[in-house]
C-alpha atoms as a PDB file:
ATOM      1  CA  MET A   1      20.275  -9.288 -14.198  1.00  0.00           C
ATOM      2  CA  ASP A   2      22.147  -6.144 -15.156  1.00  0.00           C
ATOM      3  CA  GLN A   3      20.957  -2.616 -14.406  1.00  0.00           C
ATOM      4  CA  LYS A   4      20.288  -1.773 -18.061  1.00  0.00           C
ATOM      5  CA  THR A   5      17.862  -4.697 -18.346  1.00  0.00           C
ATOM      6  CA  ILE A   6      16.168  -3.653 -15.117  1.00  0.00           C
ATOM      7  CA  PHE A   7      15.883  -0.090 -16.464  1.00  0.00           C
ATOM      8  CA  HIS A   8      14.174  -1.288 -19.670  1.00  0.00           C
ATOM      9  CA  LYS A   9      11.736  -3.377 -17.620  1.00  0.00           C
ATOM     10  CA  PHE A  10      11.106  -0.318 -15.454  1.00  0.00           C
ATOM     11  CA  VAL A  11      10.298   1.853 -18.492  1.00  0.00           C
ATOM     12  CA  SER A  12       7.868  -0.812 -19.723  1.00  0.00           C
ATOM     13  CA  PHE A  13       6.358  -0.976 -16.246  1.00  0.00           C
ATOM     14  CA  ILE A  14       5.840   2.802 -16.101  1.00  0.00           C
ATOM     15  CA  ALA A  15       4.143   2.755 -19.516  1.00  0.00           C
ATOM     16  CA  ALA A  16       1.887  -0.056 -18.321  1.00  0.00           C
ATOM     17  CA  VAL A  17       1.064   1.897 -15.142  1.00  0.00           C
ATOM     18  CA  HIS A  18      -0.068   4.851 -17.258  1.00  0.00           C
ATOM     19  CA  GLU A  19      -2.193   2.571 -19.432  1.00  0.00           C
ATOM     20  CA  VAL A  20      -3.797   0.858 -16.433  1.00  0.00           C
ATOM     21  CA  LYS A  21      -4.426   4.201 -14.731  1.00  0.00           C
ATOM     22  CA  HIS A  22      -6.186   5.390 -17.885  1.00  0.00           C
ATOM     23  CA  ASP A  23      -8.289   2.204 -17.995  1.00  0.00           C
ATOM     24  CA  PHE A  24      -9.204   2.537 -14.317  1.00  0.00           C
ATOM     25  CA  THR A  25     -10.087   6.253 -14.443  1.00  0.00           C
ATOM     26  CA  LYS A  26     -11.600   6.738 -17.912  1.00  0.00           C
ATOM     27  CA  ASP A  27     -15.139   6.070 -16.688  1.00  0.00           C
ATOM     28  CA  VAL A  28     -14.864   8.094 -13.483  1.00  0.00           C
ATOM     29  CA  LYS A  29     -17.546  10.737 -13.872  1.00  0.00           C
ATOM     30  CA  LEU A  30     -17.266  13.670 -11.537  1.00  0.00           C
ATOM     31  CA  ASP A  31     -19.617  16.611 -11.967  1.00  0.00           C
ATOM     32  CA  ASP A  32     -18.002  19.558 -13.727  1.00  0.00           C
ATOM     33  CA  ILE A  33     -14.453  18.286 -13.155  1.00  0.00           C
ATOM     34  CA  THR A  34     -11.976  18.233 -16.015  1.00  0.00           C
ATOM     35  CA  PRO A  35      -9.365  15.471 -16.328  1.00  0.00           C
ATOM     36  CA  VAL A  36      -6.678  17.946 -15.213  1.00  0.00           C
ATOM     37  CA  GLN A  37      -8.715  18.905 -12.157  1.00  0.00           C
ATOM     38  CA  TYR A  38      -9.284  15.227 -11.357  1.00  0.00           C
ATOM     39  CA  ALA A  39      -5.517  14.606 -11.554  1.00  0.00           C
ATOM     40  CA  ILE A  40      -4.923  17.458  -9.103  1.00  0.00           C
ATOM     41  CA  LEU A  41      -7.581  16.132  -6.727  1.00  0.00           C
ATOM     42  CA  GLU A  42      -6.118  12.637  -6.958  1.00  0.00           C
ATOM     43  CA  TYR A  43      -2.656  13.998  -6.161  1.00  0.00           C
ATOM     44  CA  LEU A  44      -4.046  15.928  -3.206  1.00  0.00           C
ATOM     45  CA  ALA A  45      -5.855  12.828  -1.950  1.00  0.00           C
ATOM     46  CA  VAL A  46      -2.618  10.858  -1.645  1.00  0.00           C
ATOM     47  CA  SER A  47      -0.097  13.614  -0.867  1.00  0.00           C
ATOM     48  CA  GLN A  48      -1.810  16.393   1.079  1.00  0.00           C
ATOM     49  CA  PRO A  49      -1.029  18.906   2.278  1.00  0.00           C
ATOM     50  CA  VAL A  50       1.062  20.167  -0.636  1.00  0.00           C
ATOM     51  CA  THR A  51       2.207  23.499  -1.981  1.00  0.00           C
ATOM     52  CA  LEU A  52       1.285  25.113  -5.276  1.00  0.00           C
ATOM     53  CA  SER A  53       4.793  24.463  -6.601  1.00  0.00           C
ATOM     54  CA  GLN A  54       4.579  20.758  -5.683  1.00  0.00           C
ATOM     55  CA  ILE A  55       1.332  20.427  -7.626  1.00  0.00           C
ATOM     56  CA  SER A  56       2.779  22.375 -10.543  1.00  0.00           C
ATOM     57  CA  ASP A  57       5.869  20.174 -10.631  1.00  0.00           C
ATOM     58  CA  CYS A  58       3.976  16.894 -10.318  1.00  0.00           C
ATOM     59  CA  MET A  59       1.373  17.823 -12.939  1.00  0.00           C
ATOM     60  CA  HIS A  60       3.942  19.290 -15.362  1.00  0.00           C
ATOM     61  CA  MET A  61       1.952  22.518 -15.416  1.00  0.00           C
ATOM     62  CA  SER A  62       3.036  26.114 -15.231  1.00  0.00           C
ATOM     63  CA  MET A  63       2.465  27.897 -11.942  1.00  0.00           C
ATOM     64  CA  PRO A  64      -0.168  30.247 -13.462  1.00  0.00           C
ATOM     65  CA  ASN A  65      -2.120  27.305 -14.944  1.00  0.00           C
ATOM     66  CA  THR A  66      -1.906  25.384 -11.680  1.00  0.00           C
ATOM     67  CA  SER A  67      -3.083  28.444  -9.747  1.00  0.00           C
ATOM     68  CA  ARG A  68      -6.004  28.913 -12.145  1.00  0.00           C
ATOM     69  CA  GLU A  69      -7.101  25.262 -11.796  1.00  0.00           C
ATOM     70  CA  LEU A  70      -6.801  25.428  -8.003  1.00  0.00           C
ATOM     71  CA  LYS A  71      -8.920  28.578  -7.975  1.00  0.00           C
ATOM     72  CA  LYS A  72     -11.642  26.699  -9.886  1.00  0.00           C
ATOM     73  CA  LEU A  73     -11.415  23.752  -7.475  1.00  0.00           C
ATOM     74  CA  THR A  74     -11.573  26.121  -4.499  1.00  0.00           C
ATOM     75  CA  GLU A  75     -14.639  27.847  -5.972  1.00  0.00           C
ATOM     76  CA  LYS A  76     -16.252  24.402  -6.289  1.00  0.00           C
ATOM     77  CA  HIS A  77     -15.441  23.838  -2.590  1.00  0.00           C
ATOM     78  CA  LEU A  78     -13.265  20.808  -3.389  1.00  0.00           C
ATOM     79  CA  CYS A  79      -9.979  22.060  -1.971  1.00  0.00           C
ATOM     80  CA  GLU A  80      -8.809  24.692   0.459  1.00  0.00           C
ATOM     81  CA  LYS A  81      -5.674  26.646   1.238  1.00  0.00           C
ATOM     82  CA  THR A  82      -4.146  27.155   4.647  1.00  0.00           C
ATOM     83  CA  THR A  83      -1.272  29.416   5.581  1.00  0.00           C
ATOM     84  CA  ASP A  84       1.835  28.009   7.233  1.00  0.00           C
ATOM     85  CA  PRO A  85       1.925  29.523  10.725  1.00  0.00           C
ATOM     86  CA  GLY A  86       5.732  29.539  10.592  1.00  0.00           C
ATOM     87  CA  ASP A  87       5.912  31.324   7.223  1.00  0.00           C
ATOM     88  CA  GLN A  88       2.952  33.501   6.232  1.00  0.00           C
ATOM     89  CA  ARG A  89       4.117  33.473   2.587  1.00  0.00           C
ATOM     90  CA  LYS A  90       3.727  29.696   2.313  1.00  0.00           C
ATOM     91  CA  GLN A  91       0.342  28.133   1.651  1.00  0.00           C
ATOM     92  CA  PHE A  92      -0.660  24.494   1.813  1.00  0.00           C
ATOM     93  CA  ILE A  93      -3.436  23.012  -0.283  1.00  0.00           C
ATOM     94  CA  ARG A  94      -5.579  20.131   0.831  1.00  0.00           C
ATOM     95  CA  LEU A  95      -8.919  18.588  -0.026  1.00  0.00           C
ATOM     96  CA  SER A  96     -11.962  20.136   1.598  1.00  0.00           C
ATOM     97  CA  ASP A  97     -14.534  17.837   3.197  1.00  0.00           C
ATOM     98  CA  ASN A  98     -16.479  17.908  -0.098  1.00  0.00           C
ATOM     99  CA  GLY A  99     -13.321  17.128  -2.067  1.00  0.00           C
ATOM    100  CA  GLN A 100     -12.440  14.266   0.274  1.00  0.00           C
ATOM    101  CA  ALA A 101     -15.936  12.813  -0.109  1.00  0.00           C
ATOM    102  CA  MET A 102     -15.674  13.092  -3.898  1.00  0.00           C
ATOM    103  CA  MET A 103     -12.294  11.367  -3.974  1.00  0.00           C
ATOM    104  CA  ASP A 104     -13.438   8.665  -1.543  1.00  0.00           C
ATOM    105  CA  ALA A 105     -16.280   7.872  -3.961  1.00  0.00           C
ATOM    106  CA  ALA A 106     -13.904   7.888  -6.941  1.00  0.00           C
ATOM    107  CA  PHE A 107     -11.450   5.600  -5.133  1.00  0.00           C
ATOM    108  CA  GLU A 108     -14.283   3.161  -4.346  1.00  0.00           C
ATOM    109  CA  GLY A 109     -14.777   2.734  -8.077  1.00  0.00           C
ATOM    110  CA  LEU A 110     -11.051   2.351  -8.654  1.00  0.00           C
ATOM    111  CA  GLU A 111     -10.863  -0.211  -5.853  1.00  0.00           C
ATOM    112  CA  ALA A 112     -13.654  -2.240  -7.446  1.00  0.00           C
ATOM    113  CA  ARG A 113     -11.767  -2.303 -10.757  1.00  0.00           C
ATOM    114  CA  PHE A 114      -8.543  -3.249  -8.971  1.00  0.00           C
ATOM    115  CA  LEU A 115     -10.220  -6.076  -7.049  1.00  0.00           C
ATOM    116  CA  GLN A 116     -11.761  -7.342 -10.265  1.00  0.00           C
ATOM    117  CA  ARG A 117      -8.326  -7.289 -11.922  1.00  0.00           C
ATOM    118  CA  ILE A 118      -6.730  -9.359  -9.139  1.00  0.00           C
ATOM    119  CA  GLN A 119      -9.693 -11.642  -8.399  1.00  0.00           C
ATOM    120  CA  HIS A 120      -7.931 -14.780  -9.695  1.00  0.00           C
ATOM    121  CA  ALA A 121      -4.574 -14.124  -8.046  1.00  0.00           C
ATOM    122  CA  SER A 122      -3.513 -16.727  -5.509  1.00  0.00           C
ATOM    123  CA  ALA A 123      -2.662 -15.820  -1.930  1.00  0.00           C
ATOM    124  CA  ASP A 124       1.019 -16.251  -2.819  1.00  0.00           C
ATOM    125  CA  ASP A 125       0.644 -13.934  -5.813  1.00  0.00           C
ATOM    126  CA  LEU A 126      -1.134 -11.323  -3.684  1.00  0.00           C
ATOM    127  CA  ALA A 127       1.687 -11.496  -1.140  1.00  0.00           C
ATOM    128  CA  ALA A 128       4.229 -11.139  -3.975  1.00  0.00           C
ATOM    129  CA  ILE A 129       2.339  -8.134  -5.400  1.00  0.00           C
ATOM    130  CA  GLU A 130       2.281  -6.476  -1.988  1.00  0.00           C
ATOM    131  CA  HIS A 131       5.994  -7.181  -1.512  1.00  0.00           C
ATOM    132  CA  ALA A 132       6.808  -5.835  -4.995  1.00  0.00           C
ATOM    133  CA  LEU A 133       4.887  -2.630  -4.257  1.00  0.00           C
ATOM    134  CA  ASP A 134       6.749  -2.249  -0.954  1.00  0.00           C
ATOM    135  CA  VAL A 135      10.129  -2.766  -2.657  1.00  0.00           C
ATOM    136  CA  LEU A 136       9.289  -0.298  -5.449  1.00  0.00           C
ATOM    137  CA  SER A 137       8.072   2.275  -2.935  1.00  0.00           C
ATOM    138  CA  ALA A 138      11.177   1.949  -0.771  1.00  0.00           C
ATOM    139  CA  ASN A 139      13.733   1.889  -3.565  1.00  0.00           C
ATOM    140  CA  VAL A 140      12.291   3.692  -6.584  1.00  0.00           C
ATOM    141  CA  PHE A 141       9.288   5.872  -5.776  1.00  0.00           C
ATOM    142  CA  TYR A 142      10.183   7.054  -2.263  1.00  0.00           C
ATOM    143  CA  PRO A 143      13.864   6.201  -1.731  1.00  0.00           C
ATOM    144  CA  PRO A 144      15.610   7.491   1.376  1.00  0.00           C
ATOM    145  CA  LYS A 145      17.110  10.913   0.835  1.00  0.00           C
ATOM    146  CA  ALA A 146      20.886  10.902   0.753  1.00  0.00           C
END
C-alpha cells in the first residue's frame, strides 16, 4: 500500500475519531461546565501537568480565551496552577482533586460506552485493536522526536 492511500485512510480515521468522540461525550452532563471547559478538563486529565500555551495550542484557542476559561475552571475548584520551582515565570496547570473526581466520573461513562461498542469483538479482534492503538501511538500520535 502506498503512502498516499495510507494518508487518505488516516484522514478518514481522524474524521471517524471526531464523530465517535462526539457520540461518546454528547450526553456527558457536568454541572455548569461548557463544552470548551470539558475539552480542557479532558486534555488535563490525560496530559497533566501542562502549560497555558500547551492548552491554547491543543484547543486552537487564543491565549486570552484559554486564560479566561482556566480562570473559570480554577474558580470552580476544578483545576489548579503551580509554579515551576526552576523558573518562577512558568506555571503548570493540573486537575484539582475535585476536577480529577469529575473527570473520573465522566470517564466511567465513556468507558461504559466503549465497552458496549466492543462487546461483540473476539479476543483476536481485541488484541488487534490494542496492537493498532499501540502502533498509532508510537508512529503517528507520539512518534520519537528526531
